[in-house]
Amino acid sequence: MFDPVPATRPASGPAPRLSRALLSPWSRLSLLVVVLLGAASTMLLFEPQRLLASGWPPELTGGAAAMVFGLAYGALTVAFVPRPLLNIAAGALFGAQTGLAAALAGTVLGAGVSFMLGRVLGQDALRTLLRGRLLTAADGVLSRHGFRSVLALRLFPGVPFAAANYCAATSRMGAPPFLLATGLGSIPNTAAYVIAGSEAASPTSPVFLAAMGFIVLSGLGGALVAWRRRHRLGRDTPKD
């Protein structure tokens, strides 16, 4: 009574094959690498560290300047510019309070952009490379206890900021807990660097010395946490 519906066949020809190739995990990973290399090259050409010597452009003042700085901060962290340098610049340019707000906004923005780039362009390909015991264990920890793990990484910075962003992106952790943990966990160290930058003209003041002492202690704590976590991951991962 009814004619059989012909089975649909996958489209063939050069155009569909080219589309599948361009959307393949490895093509997206290659695009991610190109984007990151382009960002790093742009950073090297513009030399944002000159802000510490020449100051902020006089055309920008007040809240508008802090907002622009926060946007630039986020873009520069994607380009692997070290956050301590940016935090010191925020304090030196805007003072402790405004500098801290701009630095935290830039931190969350940069982490979110890096996370989404890694999730959209690199996750499928990078997950196939997670064959080492430590990498597999780290992926499992971030997937199961993402918020707690990222919060610890931000409070005790033993892992570079960009590396933590892309590592979280390859896991199954959601974006909202990642951004919340990043914002909360980054407050203490960001505040210390911003305060140090705002008091850089008085390196013997109690406030500057307290900020530097906190930075040293948090760095030592981060190294200890990273060492213990590495050994725990190696011990808990089943061996072949």
Protein backbone atom coordinates (compact mmCIF):
# COMPACT_ATOMS: atom_id res chain seq x y z
CA MET A 1 0.00 0.00 0.00
CA PHE A 2 2.75 2.39 0.97
CA ASP A 3 5.91 2.76 -0.99
CA PRO A 4 9.00 2.05 1.10
CA VAL A 5 10.80 5.15 2.21
CA PRO A 6 14.29 5.09 0.76
CA ALA A 7 17.02 5.05 3.35
CA THR A 8 18.86 8.32 3.60
CA ARG A 9 22.46 8.14 2.63
CA PRO A 10 25.14 10.40 3.96
CA ALA A 11 25.89 13.20 1.57
CA SER A 12 28.91 12.61 -0.58
CA GLY A 13 31.04 14.84 -2.68
CA PRO A 14 33.85 17.31 -2.07
CA ALA A 15 31.77 19.90 -0.18
CA PRO A 16 30.44 17.56 2.58
CA ARG A 17 33.85 15.94 2.95
CA LEU A 18 35.46 19.35 3.30
CA SER A 19 32.84 20.37 5.87
CA ARG A 20 33.44 17.24 7.94
CA ALA A 21 37.20 17.80 7.78
CA LEU A 22 36.90 21.41 8.91
CA LEU A 23 34.63 20.44 11.82
CA SER A 24 36.73 17.48 12.93
CA PRO A 25 38.22 17.56 16.45
CA TRP A 26 41.76 17.90 15.15
CA SER A 27 40.85 20.77 12.84
CA ARG A 28 39.25 22.61 15.75
CA LEU A 29 42.30 21.93 17.90
CA SER A 30 44.52 23.33 15.15
CA LEU A 31 42.34 26.44 15.04
CA LEU A 32 42.70 26.80 18.82
CA VAL A 33 46.48 26.62 18.50
CA VAL A 34 46.42 29.27 15.75
CA VAL A 35 44.21 31.57 17.88
CA LEU A 36 46.49 31.23 20.91
CA LEU A 37 49.65 31.78 18.86
CA GLY A 38 48.07 34.87 17.31
CA ALA A 39 47.12 36.20 20.74
CA ALA A 40 50.61 35.58 22.11
CA SER A 41 52.21 37.25 19.07
CA THR A 42 49.97 40.30 19.45
CA MET A 43 50.92 40.56 23.11
CA LEU A 44 54.62 40.48 22.25
CA LEU A 45 54.17 43.21 19.65
CA PHE A 46 52.21 45.59 21.88
CA GLU A 47 54.28 44.96 25.03
CA PRO A 48 51.56 45.62 27.64
CA GLN A 49 54.19 45.69 30.39
CA ARG A 50 54.98 49.22 29.24
CA LEU A 51 51.93 50.33 31.20
CA LEU A 52 53.99 50.03 34.35
CA ALA A 53 56.51 52.53 33.01
CA SER A 54 54.41 54.92 30.88
CA GLY A 55 51.09 54.79 32.73
CA TRP A 56 47.53 54.63 31.44
CA PRO A 57 46.52 56.72 28.38
CA PRO A 58 45.39 60.15 29.62
CA GLU A 59 42.27 60.02 27.44
CA LEU A 60 40.79 57.35 29.72
CA THR A 61 39.96 58.18 33.30
CA GLY A 62 37.78 56.92 36.14
CA GLY A 63 35.42 53.99 35.73
CA ALA A 64 35.81 53.89 31.95
CA ALA A 65 39.56 53.38 32.31
CA ALA A 66 39.04 50.57 34.85
CA MET A 67 36.50 48.89 32.56
CA VAL A 68 38.83 49.03 29.57
CA PHE A 69 41.65 47.71 31.72
CA GLY A 70 39.47 44.79 32.84
CA LEU A 71 38.68 43.90 29.23
CA ALA A 72 42.35 44.16 28.26
CA TYR A 73 43.28 42.09 31.33
CA GLY A 74 40.98 39.27 30.20
CA ALA A 75 42.37 39.29 26.67
CA LEU A 76 45.96 39.33 27.90
CA THR A 77 45.46 36.34 30.19
CA VAL A 78 44.23 34.37 27.18
CA ALA A 79 47.51 35.38 25.53
CA PHE A 80 49.43 33.88 28.50
CA VAL A 81 50.49 37.19 30.06
CA PRO A 82 51.30 36.41 33.73
CA ARG A 83 48.53 37.60 36.04
CA PRO A 84 50.89 38.87 38.77
CA LEU A 85 52.21 41.48 36.32
CA LEU A 86 48.67 42.57 35.45
CA ASN A 87 47.60 42.65 39.09
CA ILE A 88 50.54 44.86 40.04
CA ALA A 89 49.70 47.13 37.11
CA ALA A 90 46.07 47.34 38.28
CA GLY A 91 47.15 48.47 41.73
CA ALA A 92 49.72 50.93 40.42
CA LEU A 93 47.30 52.49 37.94
CA PHE A 94 44.00 52.53 39.85
CA GLY A 95 44.77 52.01 43.53
CA ALA A 96 43.74 49.13 45.74
CA GLN A 97 39.94 49.15 45.53
CA THR A 98 39.32 50.02 41.89
CA GLY A 99 42.36 48.01 40.83
CA LEU A 100 41.09 44.92 42.65
CA ALA A 101 37.65 45.20 41.02
CA ALA A 102 39.19 45.58 37.55
CA ALA A 103 41.65 42.73 38.12
CA LEU A 104 38.99 40.31 39.39
CA ALA A 105 36.67 41.16 36.50
CA GLY A 106 39.52 40.56 34.06
CA THR A 107 40.43 37.32 35.79
CA VAL A 108 36.93 35.86 35.45
CA LEU A 109 36.62 37.16 31.89
CA GLY A 110 39.95 35.66 30.81
CA ALA A 111 39.19 32.36 32.51
CA GLY A 112 35.77 32.19 30.83
CA VAL A 113 37.16 32.93 27.37
CA SER A 114 39.93 30.35 27.78
CA PHE A 115 37.46 27.78 29.12
CA MET A 116 35.07 28.24 26.22
CA LEU A 117 37.86 28.18 23.63
CA GLY A 118 39.18 24.97 25.11
CA ARG A 119 35.71 23.44 25.42
CA VAL A 120 34.51 24.29 21.89
CA LEU A 121 37.74 23.94 19.93
CA GLY A 122 39.92 21.56 21.87
CA GLN A 123 37.97 19.24 24.16
CA ASP A 124 37.21 16.40 21.73
CA ALA A 125 40.79 16.16 20.47
CA LEU A 126 42.51 16.74 23.80
CA ARG A 127 40.46 14.11 25.61
CA THR A 128 41.86 11.48 23.24
CA LEU A 129 45.33 12.45 24.48
CA LEU A 130 44.51 11.89 28.17
CA ARG A 131 46.23 8.56 28.34
CA GLY A 132 48.78 9.22 31.06
CA ARG A 133 47.88 8.12 34.58
CA LEU A 134 48.23 11.58 36.08
CA LEU A 135 46.26 13.27 33.30
CA THR A 136 43.50 10.70 33.53
CA ALA A 137 43.31 11.10 37.30
CA ALA A 138 43.26 14.91 37.05
CA ASP A 139 40.44 14.68 34.52
CA GLY A 140 38.48 12.46 36.89
CA VAL A 141 38.98 14.80 39.86
CA LEU A 142 37.88 17.88 37.89
CA SER A 143 34.87 16.05 36.49
CA ARG A 144 33.68 14.84 39.92
CA HIS A 145 34.86 17.63 42.25
CA GLY A 146 35.32 20.52 39.86
CA PHE A 147 34.31 23.46 42.06
CA ARG A 148 36.37 22.33 45.04
CA SER A 149 39.40 21.50 42.90
CA VAL A 150 39.39 24.78 40.97
CA LEU A 151 38.86 26.74 44.19
CA ALA A 152 41.97 25.08 45.65
CA LEU A 153 43.96 25.81 42.48
CA ARG A 154 43.07 29.49 42.67
CA LEU A 155 43.67 29.82 46.41
CA PHE A 156 47.06 28.06 46.19
CA PRO A 157 48.41 28.91 42.73
CA GLY A 158 50.72 25.99 42.08
CA VAL A 159 49.45 25.54 38.50
CA PRO A 160 49.72 28.32 35.87
CA PHE A 161 46.46 30.18 35.32
CA ALA A 162 46.10 29.37 31.60
CA ALA A 163 47.02 25.71 32.09
CA ALA A 164 44.32 25.32 34.75
CA ASN A 165 41.76 26.93 32.44
CA TYR A 166 42.40 24.57 29.54
CA CYS A 167 42.71 21.55 31.80
CA ALA A 168 39.27 22.31 33.24
CA ALA A 169 37.90 22.81 29.73
CA THR A 170 38.86 19.28 28.71
CA SER A 171 37.05 17.81 31.72
CA ARG A 172 33.29 17.42 32.15
CA MET A 173 33.11 20.32 34.59
CA GLY A 174 30.43 22.93 33.88
CA ALA A 175 31.20 26.56 33.15
CA PRO A 176 29.20 28.17 36.02
CA PRO A 177 31.00 26.33 38.88
CA PHE A 178 34.33 26.90 37.12
CA LEU A 179 33.77 30.66 36.90
CA LEU A 180 32.41 30.91 40.45
CA ALA A 181 35.36 28.98 41.88
CA THR A 182 37.74 31.12 39.85
CA GLY A 183 36.22 34.37 41.08
CA LEU A 184 36.13 33.37 44.75
CA GLY A 185 39.47 31.59 44.83
CA SER A 186 41.33 34.39 43.05
CA ILE A 187 40.40 37.10 45.57
CA PRO A 188 43.20 36.63 48.16
CA ASN A 189 46.20 36.45 45.82
CA THR A 190 44.82 39.07 43.44
CA ALA A 191 44.25 41.45 46.35
CA ALA A 192 47.79 40.90 47.62
CA TYR A 193 49.36 41.73 44.26
CA VAL A 194 47.07 44.71 43.67
CA ILE A 195 47.86 46.12 47.12
CA ALA A 196 51.57 45.58 46.50
CA GLY A 197 51.24 47.48 43.23
CA SER A 198 49.35 50.34 44.86
CA GLU A 199 52.05 50.62 47.57
CA ALA A 200 55.03 50.10 45.26
CA ALA A 201 56.18 53.67 45.86
CA SER A 202 56.60 52.84 49.57
CA PRO A 203 58.36 49.45 49.63
CA THR A 204 59.08 49.72 53.35
CA SER A 205 55.51 50.40 54.42
CA PRO A 206 53.76 47.79 56.60
CA VAL A 207 51.00 47.34 54.00
CA PHE A 208 53.48 46.56 51.23
CA LEU A 209 55.49 44.19 53.41
CA ALA A 210 52.32 42.39 54.55
CA ALA A 211 51.18 41.96 50.94
CA MET A 212 54.57 40.59 49.88
CA GLY A 213 54.63 38.25 52.87
CA PHE A 214 51.22 36.87 51.90
CA ILE A 215 52.40 36.38 48.31
CA VAL A 216 55.44 34.40 49.47
CA LEU A 217 53.43 32.25 51.88
CA SER A 218 50.72 31.52 49.32
CA GLY A 219 53.37 30.57 46.78
CA LEU A 220 54.95 28.13 49.20
CA GLY A 221 51.51 26.77 50.07
CA GLY A 222 50.70 26.35 46.38
CA ALA A 223 53.90 24.42 45.78
CA LEU A 224 53.12 22.13 48.72
CA VAL A 225 49.52 21.55 47.61
CA ALA A 226 50.62 20.83 44.04
CA TRP A 227 53.24 18.35 45.26
CA ARG A 228 50.78 16.53 47.54
CA ARG A 229 48.05 16.46 44.88
CA ARG A 230 50.45 15.06 42.28
CA HIS A 231 51.53 12.25 44.57
CA ARG A 232 47.95 11.55 45.61
CA LEU A 233 46.83 11.36 41.98
CA GLY A 234 49.70 9.01 41.18
CA ARG A 235 48.89 6.80 44.17
CA ASP A 236 45.12 6.66 43.61
CA THR A 237 45.28 5.94 39.87
CA PRO A 238 45.17 2.23 39.04
CA LYS A 239 48.32 1.00 37.40
CA ASP A 240 48.42 -1.02 34.20
